Amino acid sequence: MDRSIRTEVCPSISLPLVKRILCNFTPDEFCPDPVPGAVLEEVNAESPIYEVIKGMWRLFGEVLELL
């Protein structure tokens, strides 16, 4: 997902709100398909905290290798 497209299409909707909408989506007769996991991963990847957590897990893995 391109951040510039998201902000152009819906500039007043923040990233946390987009994530909440997607996570709370329930398929029904009008849209029977769930939100694809790849879409949720892209939204998470755009979040700054995601990068911090990813870095912490990488560091944790390196520490475990040293033990």
N, C-alpha and C. Protein backbone atom coordinates (compact mmCIF):
# COMPACT_ATOMS: atom_id res chain seq x y z
N MET A 1 0.85 -1.17 0.00
CA MET A 1 0.00 0.00 0.00
C MET A 1 0.89 1.23 0.00
N ASP A 2 0.62 2.12 -0.90
CA ASP A 2 1.40 3.34 -1.03
C ASP A 2 0.79 4.41 -0.12
N ARG A 3 1.62 4.92 0.78
CA ARG A 3 1.12 5.90 1.76
C ARG A 3 0.54 7.13 1.07
N SER A 4 1.15 7.58 -0.01
CA SER A 4 0.65 8.79 -0.69
C SER A 4 -0.75 8.56 -1.25
N ILE A 5 -1.02 7.36 -1.74
CA ILE A 5 -2.37 7.06 -2.25
C ILE A 5 -3.37 7.08 -1.11
N ARG A 6 -3.00 6.46 0.01
CA ARG A 6 -3.92 6.43 1.16
C ARG A 6 -4.24 7.84 1.63
N THR A 7 -3.23 8.69 1.73
CA THR A 7 -3.48 10.05 2.22
C THR A 7 -4.22 10.90 1.20
N GLU A 8 -4.08 10.57 -0.08
CA GLU A 8 -4.81 11.31 -1.11
C GLU A 8 -6.28 10.89 -1.14
N VAL A 9 -6.54 9.61 -1.00
CA VAL A 9 -7.90 9.09 -1.08
C VAL A 9 -8.68 9.41 0.19
N CYS A 10 -8.06 9.27 1.33
CA CYS A 10 -8.77 9.53 2.59
C CYS A 10 -7.85 10.26 3.57
N PRO A 11 -7.59 11.55 3.31
CA PRO A 11 -6.63 12.29 4.14
C PRO A 11 -7.06 12.48 5.59
N SER A 12 -8.36 12.43 5.85
CA SER A 12 -8.81 12.67 7.23
C SER A 12 -8.85 11.40 8.07
N ILE A 13 -8.56 10.26 7.45
CA ILE A 13 -8.57 9.00 8.20
C ILE A 13 -7.13 8.63 8.55
N SER A 14 -6.85 8.56 9.83
CA SER A 14 -5.50 8.26 10.29
C SER A 14 -5.18 6.78 10.11
N LEU A 15 -3.90 6.46 10.14
CA LEU A 15 -3.47 5.08 10.00
C LEU A 15 -4.04 4.18 11.10
N PRO A 16 -4.04 4.60 12.37
CA PRO A 16 -4.65 3.75 13.40
C PRO A 16 -6.14 3.47 13.15
N LEU A 17 -6.85 4.46 12.60
CA LEU A 17 -8.26 4.26 12.31
C LEU A 17 -8.44 3.28 11.14
N VAL A 18 -7.62 3.39 10.12
CA VAL A 18 -7.66 2.45 8.99
C VAL A 18 -7.42 1.03 9.51
N LYS A 19 -6.42 0.90 10.37
CA LYS A 19 -6.11 -0.42 10.93
C LYS A 19 -7.28 -0.96 11.75
N ARG A 20 -7.90 -0.12 12.54
CA ARG A 20 -9.04 -0.56 13.35
C ARG A 20 -10.20 -1.00 12.47
N ILE A 21 -10.47 -0.23 11.41
CA ILE A 21 -11.55 -0.59 10.49
C ILE A 21 -11.27 -1.94 9.84
N LEU A 22 -10.05 -2.13 9.37
CA LEU A 22 -9.71 -3.39 8.70
C LEU A 22 -9.75 -4.57 9.67
N CYS A 23 -9.27 -4.38 10.87
CA CYS A 23 -9.24 -5.48 11.85
C CYS A 23 -10.64 -5.85 12.33
N ASN A 24 -11.55 -4.88 12.36
CA ASN A 24 -12.91 -5.14 12.83
C ASN A 24 -13.87 -5.53 11.73
N PHE A 25 -13.39 -5.58 10.50
CA PHE A 25 -14.25 -5.93 9.38
C PHE A 25 -14.75 -7.37 9.51
N THR A 26 -16.04 -7.54 9.30
CA THR A 26 -16.64 -8.87 9.32
C THR A 26 -17.27 -9.13 7.95
N PRO A 27 -16.83 -10.18 7.27
CA PRO A 27 -17.43 -10.49 5.96
C PRO A 27 -18.95 -10.73 6.10
N ASP A 28 -19.68 -10.35 5.06
CA ASP A 28 -21.12 -10.59 5.04
C ASP A 28 -21.56 -10.92 3.61
N GLU A 29 -22.86 -10.88 3.34
CA GLU A 29 -23.34 -11.26 2.01
C GLU A 29 -22.94 -10.27 0.93
N PHE A 30 -22.64 -9.04 1.30
CA PHE A 30 -22.24 -8.03 0.32
C PHE A 30 -20.74 -8.09 0.01
N CYS A 31 -19.97 -8.51 0.97
CA CYS A 31 -18.53 -8.67 0.79
C CYS A 31 -18.10 -9.91 1.59
N PRO A 32 -18.17 -11.08 0.94
CA PRO A 32 -17.94 -12.33 1.68
C PRO A 32 -16.48 -12.64 1.98
N ASP A 33 -15.57 -11.89 1.39
CA ASP A 33 -14.14 -12.17 1.59
C ASP A 33 -13.58 -11.38 2.77
N PRO A 34 -12.77 -12.02 3.59
CA PRO A 34 -12.12 -11.29 4.68
C PRO A 34 -11.02 -10.39 4.15
N VAL A 35 -10.54 -9.50 4.98
CA VAL A 35 -9.42 -8.63 4.60
C VAL A 35 -8.19 -9.53 4.45
N PRO A 36 -7.52 -9.46 3.29
CA PRO A 36 -6.33 -10.31 3.11
C PRO A 36 -5.24 -9.98 4.13
N GLY A 37 -4.57 -11.01 4.58
CA GLY A 37 -3.49 -10.84 5.55
C GLY A 37 -2.41 -9.90 5.04
N ALA A 38 -2.15 -9.93 3.73
CA ALA A 38 -1.12 -9.06 3.14
C ALA A 38 -1.47 -7.58 3.33
N VAL A 39 -2.75 -7.27 3.29
CA VAL A 39 -3.19 -5.88 3.48
C VAL A 39 -2.91 -5.45 4.92
N LEU A 40 -3.25 -6.32 5.86
CA LEU A 40 -2.98 -5.99 7.27
C LEU A 40 -1.49 -5.88 7.54
N GLU A 41 -0.69 -6.72 6.91
CA GLU A 41 0.76 -6.64 7.07
C GLU A 41 1.30 -5.32 6.54
N GLU A 42 0.77 -4.86 5.41
CA GLU A 42 1.20 -3.57 4.84
C GLU A 42 0.84 -2.41 5.76
N VAL A 43 -0.36 -2.46 6.33
CA VAL A 43 -0.77 -1.41 7.26
C VAL A 43 0.15 -1.41 8.48
N ASN A 44 0.45 -2.60 8.99
CA ASN A 44 1.35 -2.71 10.14
C ASN A 44 2.75 -2.21 9.78
N ALA A 45 3.20 -2.52 8.58
CA ALA A 45 4.55 -2.12 8.16
C ALA A 45 4.68 -0.60 8.05
N GLU A 46 3.56 0.07 7.81
CA GLU A 46 3.60 1.53 7.70
C GLU A 46 3.67 2.20 9.07
N SER A 47 3.32 1.46 10.10
CA SER A 47 3.31 1.99 11.45
C SER A 47 4.74 2.09 11.99
N PRO A 48 5.13 3.25 12.54
CA PRO A 48 6.49 3.41 13.07
C PRO A 48 6.81 2.42 14.20
N ILE A 49 5.84 2.10 15.02
CA ILE A 49 6.09 1.19 16.14
C ILE A 49 6.42 -0.21 15.62
N TYR A 50 5.87 -0.56 14.48
CA TYR A 50 6.15 -1.87 13.88
C TYR A 50 7.64 -2.02 13.61
N GLU A 51 8.26 -0.98 13.10
CA GLU A 51 9.70 -1.03 12.82
C GLU A 51 10.50 -1.18 14.11
N VAL A 52 10.06 -0.53 15.16
CA VAL A 52 10.75 -0.63 16.44
C VAL A 52 10.65 -2.06 16.98
N ILE A 53 9.45 -2.61 16.93
CA ILE A 53 9.24 -3.98 17.42
C ILE A 53 10.04 -4.98 16.58
N LYS A 54 10.03 -4.79 15.27
CA LYS A 54 10.78 -5.68 14.39
C LYS A 54 12.27 -5.63 14.73
N GLY A 55 12.77 -4.44 14.98
CA GLY A 55 14.17 -4.28 15.36
C GLY A 55 14.48 -4.94 16.69
N MET A 56 13.55 -4.84 17.63
CA MET A 56 13.76 -5.47 18.93
C MET A 56 13.81 -6.99 18.80
N TRP A 57 12.93 -7.57 17.97
CA TRP A 57 12.95 -9.02 17.77
C TRP A 57 14.24 -9.46 17.10
N ARG A 58 14.72 -8.65 16.15
CA ARG A 58 15.99 -8.97 15.49
C ARG A 58 17.12 -8.97 16.51
N LEU A 59 17.15 -7.96 17.37
CA LEU A 59 18.16 -7.87 18.41
C LEU A 59 18.04 -9.04 19.39
N PHE A 60 16.82 -9.37 19.77
CA PHE A 60 16.58 -10.49 20.68
C PHE A 60 17.12 -11.79 20.07
N GLY A 61 16.89 -11.98 18.77
CA GLY A 61 17.40 -13.17 18.09
C GLY A 61 18.91 -13.22 18.10
N GLU A 62 19.55 -12.07 17.91
CA GLU A 62 21.02 -12.02 17.93
C GLU A 62 21.56 -12.34 19.32
N VAL A 63 20.88 -11.85 20.35
CA VAL A 63 21.31 -12.13 21.72
C VAL A 63 21.18 -13.62 22.01
N LEU A 64 20.09 -14.23 21.57
CA LEU A 64 19.90 -15.67 21.78
C LEU A 64 20.98 -16.48 21.08
N GLU A 65 21.42 -16.03 19.92
CA GLU A 65 22.48 -16.75 19.20
C GLU A 65 23.79 -16.70 19.97
N LEU A 66 24.00 -15.62 20.71
CA LEU A 66 25.23 -15.49 21.48
C LEU A 66 25.25 -16.39 22.71
N LEU A 67 24.08 -16.77 23.18
CA LEU A 67 23.99 -17.60 24.40
C LEU A 67 24.29 -19.00 24.10
